[in-house]
C-alpha atoms as a PDB file:
ATOM      1  CA  MET A   1     -43.234 -57.719 -75.489  1.00  0.00           C
ATOM      2  CA  ILE A   2     -41.965 -56.718 -72.038  1.00  0.00           C
ATOM      3  CA  TYR A   3     -45.555 -55.911 -71.032  1.00  0.00           C
ATOM      4  CA  PHE A   4     -46.618 -59.439 -72.016  1.00  0.00           C
ATOM      5  CA  VAL A   5     -43.824 -60.930 -69.910  1.00  0.00           C
ATOM      6  CA  LEU A   6     -44.663 -58.835 -66.838  1.00  0.00           C
ATOM      7  CA  ALA A   7     -48.420 -59.477 -67.149  1.00  0.00           C
ATOM      8  CA  VAL A   8     -47.784 -63.223 -67.376  1.00  0.00           C
ATOM      9  CA  LEU A   9     -45.316 -63.313 -64.461  1.00  0.00           C
ATOM     10  CA  PHE A  10     -47.648 -61.426 -62.128  1.00  0.00           C
ATOM     11  CA  THR A  11     -50.611 -63.569 -63.209  1.00  0.00           C
ATOM     12  CA  VAL A  12     -48.660 -66.740 -62.418  1.00  0.00           C
ATOM     13  CA  ALA A  13     -47.655 -65.239 -59.051  1.00  0.00           C
ATOM     14  CA  LEU A  14     -51.356 -64.691 -58.426  1.00  0.00           C
ATOM     15  CA  TYR A  15     -52.099 -68.372 -59.058  1.00  0.00           C
ATOM     16  CA  LEU A  16     -49.251 -69.487 -56.802  1.00  0.00           C
ATOM     17  CA  ILE A  17     -50.481 -67.303 -53.942  1.00  0.00           C
ATOM     18  CA  LEU A  18     -54.040 -68.611 -54.323  1.00  0.00           C
ATOM     19  CA  ARG A  19     -52.679 -72.143 -54.265  1.00  0.00           C
ATOM     20  CA  THR A  20     -51.315 -71.596 -50.747  1.00  0.00           C
ATOM     21  CA  TYR A  21     -54.660 -70.419 -49.307  1.00  0.00           C
ATOM     22  CA  PRO A  22     -55.995 -73.877 -48.317  1.00  0.00           C
ATOM     23  CA  LYS A  23     -52.758 -74.611 -46.452  1.00  0.00           C
ATOM     24  CA  TYR A  24     -53.311 -71.613 -44.179  1.00  0.00           C
ATOM     25  CA  GLY A  25     -57.094 -71.907 -43.920  1.00  0.00           C
ATOM     26  CA  ILE A  26     -57.763 -68.628 -45.732  1.00  0.00           C
ATOM     27  CA  ASN A  27     -61.379 -67.610 -46.431  1.00  0.00           C
ATOM     28  CA  ASN A  28     -61.202 -67.155 -50.190  1.00  0.00           C
ATOM     29  CA  PHE A  29     -63.969 -64.598 -50.550  1.00  0.00           C
ATOM     30  CA  HIS A  30     -62.826 -62.395 -47.664  1.00  0.00           C
ATOM     31  CA  ALA A  31     -59.275 -62.398 -49.054  1.00  0.00           C
ATOM     32  CA  ILE A  32     -60.512 -61.630 -52.569  1.00  0.00           C
ATOM     33  CA  VAL A  33     -62.402 -58.560 -51.322  1.00  0.00           C
ATOM     34  CA  PHE A  34     -59.423 -57.254 -49.344  1.00  0.00           C
ATOM     35  CA  ASN A  35     -57.209 -57.851 -52.353  1.00  0.00           C
ATOM     36  CA  TYR A  36     -59.053 -55.044 -54.133  1.00  0.00           C
ATOM     37  CA  TYR A  37     -58.142 -52.614 -51.342  1.00  0.00           C
ATOM     38  CA  ALA A  38     -54.502 -53.511 -52.017  1.00  0.00           C
ATOM     39  CA  CYS A  39     -55.132 -53.083 -55.746  1.00  0.00           C
ATOM     40  CA  VAL A  40     -56.284 -49.497 -55.198  1.00  0.00           C
ATOM     41  CA  LEU A  41     -53.287 -48.692 -52.977  1.00  0.00           C
ATOM     42  CA  THR A  42     -50.907 -50.199 -55.549  1.00  0.00           C
ATOM     43  CA  GLY A  43     -52.548 -48.151 -58.277  1.00  0.00           C
ATOM     44  CA  LEU A  44     -52.171 -44.952 -56.272  1.00  0.00           C
ATOM     45  CA  VAL A  45     -48.473 -45.664 -55.772  1.00  0.00           C
ATOM     46  CA  LEU A  46     -48.060 -46.180 -59.544  1.00  0.00           C
ATOM     47  CA  THR A  47     -49.926 -42.991 -60.425  1.00  0.00           C
ATOM     48  CA  PRO A  48     -47.248 -40.325 -61.025  1.00  0.00           C
ATOM     49  CA  ASP A  49     -49.642 -37.401 -60.652  1.00  0.00           C
ATOM     50  CA  LEU A  50     -52.531 -37.954 -58.254  1.00  0.00           C
ATOM     51  CA  SER A  51     -54.116 -34.699 -59.403  1.00  0.00           C
ATOM     52  CA  VAL A  52     -55.541 -36.614 -62.399  1.00  0.00           C
ATOM     53  CA  PHE A  53     -58.219 -37.954 -60.074  1.00  0.00           C
ATOM     54  CA  GLY A  54     -59.470 -34.403 -59.609  1.00  0.00           C
ATOM     55  CA  ASN A  55     -60.622 -34.546 -63.229  1.00  0.00           C
ATOM     56  CA  VAL A  56     -62.556 -37.790 -62.755  1.00  0.00           C
ATOM     57  CA  ASP A  57     -66.318 -37.288 -62.945  1.00  0.00           C
ATOM     58  CA  LEU A  58     -67.852 -40.179 -61.017  1.00  0.00           C
ATOM     59  CA  SER A  59     -71.259 -39.454 -62.550  1.00  0.00           C
ATOM     60  CA  SER A  60     -69.945 -39.757 -66.124  1.00  0.00           C
ATOM     61  CA  PRO A  61     -70.767 -42.814 -68.245  1.00  0.00           C
ATOM     62  CA  ALA A  62     -67.073 -43.767 -68.258  1.00  0.00           C
ATOM     63  CA  SER A  63     -66.852 -43.866 -64.442  1.00  0.00           C
ATOM     64  CA  LEU A  64     -70.224 -45.562 -63.960  1.00  0.00           C
ATOM     65  CA  TYR A  65     -69.452 -48.277 -66.516  1.00  0.00           C
ATOM     66  CA  THR A  66     -66.011 -48.811 -64.999  1.00  0.00           C
ATOM     67  CA  LEU A  67     -67.439 -49.091 -61.471  1.00  0.00           C
ATOM     68  CA  LEU A  68     -69.927 -51.630 -62.828  1.00  0.00           C
ATOM     69  CA  LEU A  69     -67.020 -53.556 -64.347  1.00  0.00           C
ATOM     70  CA  GLY A  70     -65.499 -53.738 -60.871  1.00  0.00           C
ATOM     71  CA  SER A  71     -68.656 -55.281 -59.480  1.00  0.00           C
ATOM     72  CA  LEU A  72     -68.457 -57.850 -62.288  1.00  0.00           C
ATOM     73  CA  PHE A  73     -64.952 -58.754 -61.074  1.00  0.00           C
ATOM     74  CA  ILE A  74     -66.493 -59.884 -57.786  1.00  0.00           C
ATOM     75  CA  ALA A  75     -69.377 -61.638 -59.544  1.00  0.00           C
ATOM     76  CA  ALA A  76     -66.936 -63.567 -61.734  1.00  0.00           C
ATOM     77  CA  PHE A  77     -64.883 -64.651 -58.690  1.00  0.00           C
ATOM     78  CA  LEU A  78     -68.070 -65.823 -56.960  1.00  0.00           C
ATOM     79  CA  MET A  79     -69.166 -67.757 -60.035  1.00  0.00           C
ATOM     80  CA  ILE A  80     -65.768 -69.417 -60.365  1.00  0.00           C
ATOM     81  CA  GLY A  81     -66.002 -70.600 -56.763  1.00  0.00           C
ATOM     82  CA  LEU A  82     -69.573 -71.829 -57.210  1.00  0.00           C
ATOM     83  CA  THR A  83     -68.701 -73.632 -60.444  1.00  0.00           C
ATOM     84  CA  THR A  84     -65.774 -75.370 -58.757  1.00  0.00           C
ATOM     85  CA  GLN A  85     -68.101 -76.642 -56.019  1.00  0.00           C
ATOM     86  CA  LYS A  86     -70.960 -77.657 -58.302  1.00  0.00           C
ATOM     87  CA  ALA A  87     -69.308 -78.843 -61.526  1.00  0.00           C
ATOM     88  CA  GLY A  88     -65.718 -79.523 -60.570  1.00  0.00           C
ATOM     89  CA  VAL A  89     -62.259 -78.102 -61.148  1.00  0.00           C
ATOM     90  CA  THR A  90     -61.890 -79.379 -64.717  1.00  0.00           C
ATOM     91  CA  ALA A  91     -65.064 -77.730 -65.945  1.00  0.00           C
ATOM     92  CA  THR A  92     -64.147 -74.451 -64.232  1.00  0.00           C
ATOM     93  CA  SER A  93     -60.628 -74.414 -65.669  1.00  0.00           C
ATOM     94  CA  LEU A  94     -61.870 -75.147 -69.173  1.00  0.00           C
ATOM     95  CA  ALA A  95     -64.534 -72.440 -68.937  1.00  0.00           C
ATOM     96  CA  GLY A  96     -62.025 -69.827 -67.788  1.00  0.00           C
ATOM     97  CA  ASN A  97     -59.379 -70.683 -70.380  1.00  0.00           C
ATOM     98  CA  LEU A  98     -61.712 -70.986 -73.342  1.00  0.00           C
ATOM     99  CA  SER A  99     -63.429 -67.690 -72.514  1.00  0.00           C
ATOM    100  CA  LEU A 100     -60.692 -65.936 -74.519  1.00  0.00           C
ATOM    101  CA  VAL A 101     -62.782 -66.596 -77.653  1.00  0.00           C
ATOM    102  CA  ILE A 102     -65.247 -63.886 -76.527  1.00  0.00           C
ATOM    103  CA  PRO A 103     -62.845 -60.886 -76.476  1.00  0.00           C
ATOM    104  CA  VAL A 104     -61.145 -62.261 -79.584  1.00  0.00           C
ATOM    105  CA  PHE A 105     -64.471 -62.448 -81.448  1.00  0.00           C
ATOM    106  CA  PHE A 106     -65.475 -58.929 -80.408  1.00  0.00           C
ATOM    107  CA  GLY A 107     -62.015 -57.554 -81.193  1.00  0.00           C
ATOM    108  CA  LEU A 108     -62.031 -59.005 -84.699  1.00  0.00           C
ATOM    109  CA  PHE A 109     -65.633 -58.679 -85.815  1.00  0.00           C
ATOM    110  CA  VAL A 110     -67.344 -56.060 -83.620  1.00  0.00           C
ATOM    111  CA  PHE A 111     -64.750 -53.503 -82.441  1.00  0.00           C
ATOM    112  CA  ARG A 112     -62.482 -54.215 -85.438  1.00  0.00           C
ATOM    113  CA  ASN A 113     -59.604 -52.848 -83.419  1.00  0.00           C
ATOM    114  CA  THR A 114     -56.833 -55.160 -84.560  1.00  0.00           C
ATOM    115  CA  THR A 115     -53.774 -53.291 -85.782  1.00  0.00           C
ATOM    116  CA  LYS A 116     -52.766 -55.884 -88.327  1.00  0.00           C
ATOM    117  CA  GLU A 117     -54.264 -57.822 -91.187  1.00  0.00           C
ATOM    118  CA  PHE A 118     -55.169 -61.299 -89.945  1.00  0.00           C
ATOM    119  CA  THR A 119     -54.019 -64.028 -92.303  1.00  0.00           C
ATOM    120  CA  ILE A 120     -54.991 -67.685 -92.548  1.00  0.00           C
ATOM    121  CA  LEU A 121     -51.950 -68.490 -90.376  1.00  0.00           C
ATOM    122  CA  ASN A 122     -53.162 -66.110 -87.648  1.00  0.00           C
ATOM    123  CA  TYR A 123     -56.649 -67.627 -87.689  1.00  0.00           C
ATOM    124  CA  THR A 124     -55.104 -71.106 -87.537  1.00  0.00           C
ATOM    125  CA  GLY A 125     -53.158 -69.914 -84.484  1.00  0.00           C
ATOM    126  CA  LEU A 126     -56.398 -68.797 -82.820  1.00  0.00           C
ATOM    127  CA  ILE A 127     -57.963 -72.221 -83.319  1.00  0.00           C
ATOM    128  CA  LEU A 128     -54.833 -73.969 -82.018  1.00  0.00           C
ATOM    129  CA  ALA A 129     -54.770 -71.645 -78.989  1.00  0.00           C
ATOM    130  CA  VAL A 130     -58.280 -72.707 -77.989  1.00  0.00           C
ATOM    131  CA  LEU A 131     -57.394 -76.388 -78.462  1.00  0.00           C
ATOM    132  CA  ALA A 132     -54.134 -75.957 -76.541  1.00  0.00           C
ATOM    133  CA  LEU A 133     -55.808 -74.317 -73.556  1.00  0.00           C
ATOM    134  CA  GLY A 134     -58.472 -77.008 -73.448  1.00  0.00           C
ATOM    135  CA  LEU A 135     -55.932 -79.842 -73.511  1.00  0.00           C
ATOM    136  CA  ALA A 136     -53.654 -78.140 -70.982  1.00  0.00           C
ATOM    137  CA  ALA A 137     -56.530 -77.664 -68.518  1.00  0.00           C
ATOM    138  CA  VAL A 138     -57.163 -81.406 -68.160  1.00  0.00           C
ATOM    139  CA  ARG A 139     -55.473 -82.835 -65.087  1.00  0.00           C
ATOM    140  CA  PRO A 140     -55.063 -86.485 -64.074  1.00  0.00           C
ATOM    141  CA  GLY A 141     -57.750 -87.722 -61.773  1.00  0.00           C
ATOM    142  CA  THR A 142     -60.055 -84.744 -62.340  1.00  0.00           C
ATOM    143  CA  THR A 143     -62.554 -86.421 -64.595  1.00  0.00           C
ATOM    144  CA  GLU A 144     -65.970 -85.595 -63.201  1.00  0.00           C
ATOM    145  CA  LYS A 145     -68.428 -88.234 -62.162  1.00  0.00           C
ATOM    146  CA  LYS A 146     -71.176 -88.861 -64.592  1.00  0.00           C
ATOM    147  CA  MET A 147     -74.178 -86.826 -63.579  1.00  0.00           C
ATOM    148  CA  SER A 148     -77.630 -88.262 -63.407  1.00  0.00           C
ATOM    149  CA  THR A 149     -80.284 -86.974 -65.773  1.00  0.00           C
ATOM    150  CA  GLY A 150     -81.767 -84.850 -63.019  1.00  0.00           C
ATOM    151  CA  LEU A 151     -78.448 -83.038 -62.401  1.00  0.00           C
ATOM    152  CA  LYS A 152     -77.559 -82.119 -65.971  1.00  0.00           C
ATOM    153  CA  TRP A 153     -78.598 -78.552 -65.269  1.00  0.00           C
ATOM    154  CA  ILE A 154     -75.426 -78.199 -63.172  1.00  0.00           C
ATOM    155  CA  TRP A 155     -73.465 -77.600 -66.373  1.00  0.00           C
ATOM    156  CA  ILE A 156     -75.100 -74.196 -66.571  1.00  0.00           C
ATOM    157  CA  PHE A 157     -72.449 -73.054 -64.053  1.00  0.00           C
ATOM    158  CA  PRO A 158     -69.443 -73.569 -66.388  1.00  0.00           C
ATOM    159  CA  VAL A 159     -71.412 -71.834 -69.142  1.00  0.00           C
ATOM    160  CA  ILE A 160     -72.013 -68.806 -66.907  1.00  0.00           C
ATOM    161  CA  THR A 161     -68.348 -68.799 -65.820  1.00  0.00           C
ATOM    162  CA  PHE A 162     -67.304 -68.884 -69.485  1.00  0.00           C
ATOM    163  CA  LEU A 163     -69.576 -65.916 -70.243  1.00  0.00           C
ATOM    164  CA  ALA A 164     -68.550 -63.966 -67.110  1.00  0.00           C
ATOM    165  CA  SER A 165     -64.801 -64.329 -67.713  1.00  0.00           C
ATOM    166  CA  GLY A 166     -65.095 -63.533 -71.406  1.00  0.00           C
ATOM    167  CA  THR A 167     -67.366 -60.562 -70.735  1.00  0.00           C
ATOM    168  CA  ASN A 168     -64.929 -59.123 -68.180  1.00  0.00           C
ATOM    169  CA  ASN A 169     -62.025 -59.271 -70.626  1.00  0.00           C
ATOM    170  CA  THR A 170     -64.154 -57.850 -73.435  1.00  0.00           C
ATOM    171  CA  LEU A 171     -65.317 -54.931 -71.271  1.00  0.00           C
ATOM    172  CA  ILE A 172     -61.756 -54.225 -70.105  1.00  0.00           C
ATOM    173  CA  ASN A 173     -60.751 -53.945 -73.753  1.00  0.00           C
ATOM    174  CA  TYR A 174     -63.801 -51.899 -74.778  1.00  0.00           C
ATOM    175  CA  LEU A 175     -63.816 -49.425 -71.872  1.00  0.00           C
ATOM    176  CA  SER A 176     -60.067 -48.790 -71.954  1.00  0.00           C
ATOM    177  CA  MET A 177     -60.261 -48.264 -75.723  1.00  0.00           C
ATOM    178  CA  THR A 178     -63.366 -46.055 -75.711  1.00  0.00           C
ATOM    179  CA  TYR A 179     -63.131 -43.874 -72.604  1.00  0.00           C
ATOM    180  CA  TYR A 180     -59.476 -43.787 -71.530  1.00  0.00           C
ATOM    181  CA  GLU A 181     -56.430 -42.268 -73.165  1.00  0.00           C
ATOM    182  CA  PRO A 182     -53.253 -44.356 -73.499  1.00  0.00           C
ATOM    183  CA  GLY A 183     -51.195 -44.017 -70.326  1.00  0.00           C
ATOM    184  CA  THR A 184     -54.208 -43.801 -67.989  1.00  0.00           C
ATOM    185  CA  SER A 185     -54.267 -47.497 -67.103  1.00  0.00           C
ATOM    186  CA  THR A 186     -53.929 -46.823 -63.380  1.00  0.00           C
ATOM    187  CA  VAL A 187     -56.933 -44.479 -63.330  1.00  0.00           C
ATOM    188  CA  PHE A 188     -59.049 -47.046 -65.161  1.00  0.00           C
ATOM    189  CA  MET A 189     -58.034 -49.906 -62.884  1.00  0.00           C
ATOM    190  CA  ILE A 190     -58.404 -47.892 -59.657  1.00  0.00           C
ATOM    191  CA  ILE A 191     -61.979 -46.967 -60.579  1.00  0.00           C
ATOM    192  CA  ALA A 192     -62.760 -50.579 -61.531  1.00  0.00           C
ATOM    193  CA  CYS A 193     -61.255 -51.941 -58.307  1.00  0.00           C
ATOM    194  CA  SER A 194     -63.225 -49.350 -56.326  1.00  0.00           C
ATOM    195  CA  GLY A 195     -66.386 -50.840 -57.800  1.00  0.00           C
ATOM    196  CA  ALA A 196     -65.213 -54.268 -56.654  1.00  0.00           C
ATOM    197  CA  ILE A 197     -64.536 -52.876 -53.163  1.00  0.00           C
ATOM    198  CA  ILE A 198     -68.038 -51.407 -52.870  1.00  0.00           C
ATOM    199  CA  ILE A 199     -69.969 -54.548 -53.817  1.00  0.00           C
ATOM    200  CA  GLY A 200     -67.463 -56.917 -52.159  1.00  0.00           C
ATOM    201  CA  SER A 201     -67.466 -55.072 -48.829  1.00  0.00           C
ATOM    202  CA  ILE A 202     -71.253 -55.088 -48.721  1.00  0.00           C
ATOM    203  CA  ILE A 203     -71.282 -58.862 -49.247  1.00  0.00           C
ATOM    204  CA  VAL A 204     -68.556 -59.434 -46.619  1.00  0.00           C
ATOM    205  CA  LEU A 205     -70.445 -57.349 -44.046  1.00  0.00           C
ATOM    206  CA  TRP A 206     -73.616 -59.322 -44.811  1.00  0.00           C
ATOM    207  CA  LYS A 207     -71.721 -62.603 -44.359  1.00  0.00           C
ATOM    208  CA  ILE A 208     -70.253 -61.442 -41.028  1.00  0.00           C
ATOM    209  CA  ILE A 209     -73.423 -59.881 -39.607  1.00  0.00           C
ATOM    210  CA  VAL A 210     -76.114 -62.197 -40.995  1.00  0.00           C
ATOM    211  CA  GLN A 211     -74.313 -65.481 -41.617  1.00  0.00           C
ATOM    212  CA  ARG A 212     -72.064 -65.064 -38.556  1.00  0.00           C
ATOM    213  CA  GLU A 213     -68.871 -65.680 -40.513  1.00  0.00           C
ATOM    214  CA  LYS A 214     -65.765 -64.974 -38.452  1.00  0.00           C
ATOM    215  CA  PHE A 215     -63.566 -62.023 -39.377  1.00  0.00           C
ATOM    216  CA  GLU A 216     -59.898 -63.023 -39.219  1.00  0.00           C
ATOM    217  CA  LEU A 217     -56.862 -60.799 -39.661  1.00  0.00           C
ATOM    218  CA  LYS A 218     -55.084 -63.477 -41.690  1.00  0.00           C
ATOM    219  CA  ASN A 219     -57.729 -63.159 -44.427  1.00  0.00           C
ATOM    220  CA  MET A 220     -57.026 -59.442 -44.687  1.00  0.00           C
ATOM    221  CA  ILE A 221     -53.254 -60.024 -44.834  1.00  0.00           C
ATOM    222  CA  ALA A 222     -53.685 -62.754 -47.455  1.00  0.00           C
ATOM    223  CA  GLY A 223     -55.861 -60.407 -49.503  1.00  0.00           C
ATOM    224  CA  PHE A 224     -53.299 -57.599 -49.401  1.00  0.00           C
ATOM    225  CA  ILE A 225     -50.530 -60.001 -50.463  1.00  0.00           C
ATOM    226  CA  LEU A 226     -52.732 -61.129 -53.351  1.00  0.00           C
ATOM    227  CA  GLY A 227     -53.717 -57.614 -54.375  1.00  0.00           C
ATOM    228  CA  VAL A 228     -50.310 -56.375 -55.510  1.00  0.00           C
ATOM    229  CA  PRO A 229     -49.688 -58.999 -58.239  1.00  0.00           C
ATOM    230  CA  ASN A 230     -53.402 -58.934 -59.104  1.00  0.00           C
ATOM    231  CA  PHE A 231     -53.290 -55.221 -59.897  1.00  0.00           C
ATOM    232  CA  LEU A 232     -49.944 -55.447 -61.671  1.00  0.00           C
ATOM    233  CA  SER A 233     -51.124 -58.346 -63.858  1.00  0.00           C
ATOM    234  CA  LEU A 234     -54.100 -56.290 -65.079  1.00  0.00           C
ATOM    235  CA  TYR A 235     -51.991 -53.127 -65.298  1.00  0.00           C
ATOM    236  CA  PHE A 236     -49.426 -54.693 -67.603  1.00  0.00           C
ATOM    237  CA  LEU A 237     -52.140 -56.481 -69.601  1.00  0.00           C
ATOM    238  CA  LEU A 238     -53.639 -53.057 -70.312  1.00  0.00           C
ATOM    239  CA  LYS A 239     -50.165 -51.807 -71.215  1.00  0.00           C
ATOM    240  CA  ALA A 240     -49.873 -54.679 -73.691  1.00  0.00           C
ATOM    241  CA  LEU A 241     -53.259 -53.774 -75.157  1.00  0.00           C
ATOM    242  CA  ASP A 242     -52.102 -50.161 -75.490  1.00  0.00           C
ATOM    243  CA  ALA A 243     -48.864 -51.246 -77.153  1.00  0.00           C
ATOM    244  CA  TYR A 244     -50.736 -53.317 -79.742  1.00  0.00           C
ATOM    245  CA  GLY A 245     -53.546 -50.854 -80.459  1.00  0.00           C
ATOM    246  CA  ASN A 246     -56.089 -52.641 -78.244  1.00  0.00           C
ATOM    247  CA  SER A 247     -55.863 -55.653 -80.550  1.00  0.00           C
ATOM    248  CA  ALA A 248     -57.691 -58.178 -78.369  1.00  0.00           C
ATOM    249  CA  ALA A 249     -57.502 -60.795 -81.123  1.00  0.00           C
ATOM    250  CA  PHE A 250     -53.722 -60.806 -80.749  1.00  0.00           C
ATOM    251  CA  VAL A 251     -53.159 -59.868 -77.105  1.00  0.00           C
ATOM    252  CA  PHE A 252     -55.556 -62.212 -75.276  1.00  0.00           C
ATOM    253  CA  PRO A 253     -54.607 -65.494 -77.004  1.00  0.00           C
ATOM    254  CA  VAL A 254     -50.864 -64.821 -76.599  1.00  0.00           C
ATOM    255  CA  TYR A 255     -51.369 -63.727 -72.976  1.00  0.00           C
ATOM    256  CA  ASN A 256     -53.474 -66.806 -72.148  1.00  0.00           C
ATOM    257  CA  ILE A 257     -51.170 -69.383 -73.672  1.00  0.00           C
ATOM    258  CA  LEU A 258     -48.011 -67.758 -72.279  1.00  0.00           C
ATOM    259  CA  THR A 259     -49.646 -67.795 -68.843  1.00  0.00           C
ATOM    260  CA  MET A 260     -50.544 -71.442 -69.285  1.00  0.00           C
ATOM    261  CA  LEU A 261     -46.979 -72.380 -70.297  1.00  0.00           C
ATOM    262  CA  VAL A 262     -45.341 -70.485 -67.427  1.00  0.00           C
ATOM    263  CA  SER A 263     -47.922 -71.807 -64.935  1.00  0.00           C
ATOM    264  CA  ALA A 264     -47.215 -75.383 -66.015  1.00  0.00           C
ATOM    265  CA  ALA A 265     -43.463 -74.830 -65.596  1.00  0.00           C
ATOM    266  CA  ALA A 266     -43.910 -73.180 -62.176  1.00  0.00           C
ATOM    267  CA  ALA A 267     -46.245 -75.941 -60.987  1.00  0.00           C
ATOM    268  CA  TRP A 268     -43.698 -78.572 -62.004  1.00  0.00           C
ATOM    269  CA  LEU A 269     -40.777 -76.757 -60.362  1.00  0.00           C
ATOM    270  CA  LEU A 270     -42.527 -75.812 -57.118  1.00  0.00           C
ATOM    271  CA  PHE A 271     -45.139 -78.530 -56.650  1.00  0.00           C
ATOM    272  CA  ARG A 272     -43.866 -81.313 -58.901  1.00  0.00           C
ATOM    273  CA  GLU A 273     -47.150 -81.422 -60.802  1.00  0.00           C
ATOM    274  CA  LYS A 274     -46.857 -83.817 -63.705  1.00  0.00           C
ATOM    275  CA  LEU A 275     -48.212 -83.280 -67.197  1.00  0.00           C
ATOM    276  CA  THR A 276     -50.388 -85.893 -68.865  1.00  0.00           C
ATOM    277  CA  ALA A 277     -49.925 -86.847 -72.499  1.00  0.00           C
ATOM    278  CA  MET A 278     -52.824 -84.489 -73.367  1.00  0.00           C
ATOM    279  CA  ASN A 279     -51.149 -81.674 -71.407  1.00  0.00           C
ATOM    280  CA  LYS A 280     -47.925 -82.161 -73.371  1.00  0.00           C
ATOM    281  CA  VAL A 281     -49.835 -82.027 -76.664  1.00  0.00           C
ATOM    282  CA  GLY A 282     -51.505 -78.846 -75.381  1.00  0.00           C
ATOM    283  CA  VAL A 283     -48.105 -77.277 -74.596  1.00  0.00           C
ATOM    284  CA  LEU A 284     -46.807 -78.153 -78.067  1.00  0.00           C
ATOM    285  CA  LEU A 285     -49.926 -76.708 -79.712  1.00  0.00           C
ATOM    286  CA  ALA A 286     -49.591 -73.574 -77.565  1.00  0.00           C
ATOM    287  CA  ILE A 287     -46.045 -72.969 -78.783  1.00  0.00           C
ATOM    288  CA  ILE A 288     -47.158 -73.441 -82.402  1.00  0.00           C
ATOM    289  CA  ALA A 289     -50.141 -71.139 -81.769  1.00  0.00           C
ATOM    290  CA  ILE A 290     -47.889 -68.349 -80.428  1.00  0.00           C
ATOM    291  CA  VAL A 291     -45.676 -68.571 -83.521  1.00  0.00           C
ATOM    292  CA  LEU A 292     -48.660 -68.491 -85.886  1.00  0.00           C
ATOM    293  CA  LEU A 293     -50.362 -65.639 -84.033  1.00  0.00           C
ATOM    294  CA  SER A 294     -47.291 -63.445 -83.858  1.00  0.00           C
ATOM    295  CA  TYR A 295     -45.114 -64.450 -86.809  1.00  0.00           C
ATOM    296  CA  GLN A 296     -45.429 -60.917 -88.256  1.00  0.00           C
ATOM    297  CA  GLU A 297     -44.150 -59.385 -84.992  1.00  0.00           C
ATOM    298  CA  ILE A 298     -41.417 -62.035 -84.721  1.00  0.00           C
ATOM    299  CA  GLY A 299     -40.326 -61.201 -88.279  1.00  0.00           C
ATOM    300  CA  LEU A 300     -40.105 -57.502 -87.480  1.00  0.00           C
ATOM    301  CA  ALA A 301     -38.102 -58.208 -84.320  1.00  0.00           C
ATOM    302  CA  ILE A 302     -35.618 -60.321 -86.297  1.00  0.00           C
END
């Protein structure tokens, strides 16, 4: 459970850092790209024996697929930003939170990699987790304006964000399970982040050279500050997957709802964000969902 706690804490730290970007006029995309440089450096520091990279074959299917996953990290970030601009914050938040159903579905019915027998209580917990995340994502004053008939196509953006986020998590689970031994989380993440660096740097250079965007040192610094908790959140999420036999059906719902609960508490403490009645129902459902999803593990711990 310690891996869950650490993954959640670093994920919440990530959100809090991102929240400060507008205050300091940070270019989100530039910072996101530089954050992956920090991710790689953090991974190298956490790798006890750097000689393991001498055994990495960059032309192997494992490395190529992992590099491609890294490029999808950037694509997902871009889509999240575009969805926020086109469809609004509420739609983007809902799409990201509800995307957990994709890795859960694949973990249960395609990979069949769950380490425990799912009971009716566990499945009820899954359903409540989805409902809880949806209710918790709704914020006061964020209801979107009704779109005209000619603009209904805009809702394709949340759909793509939903698919991109869910696909990323599913591929993280699949690639780490199929091609990497337990204990090689840093190697996996460093290769993935290298893929993000390659595609992200190309896009940043294009923006600077062609679109005449200004390069600012503060964006690089902001990215490096973001990169450490970003890497550690993924690192400990992979550790949690390892600890529970890559059981995405258990790990991702618990991780998502714990992150939501801690984020809500942090937002209230630091920014005095208030919860609506729907948010409070979502928090209650999330707590019930965690109990139903993990009552077997709770029983063993007791």
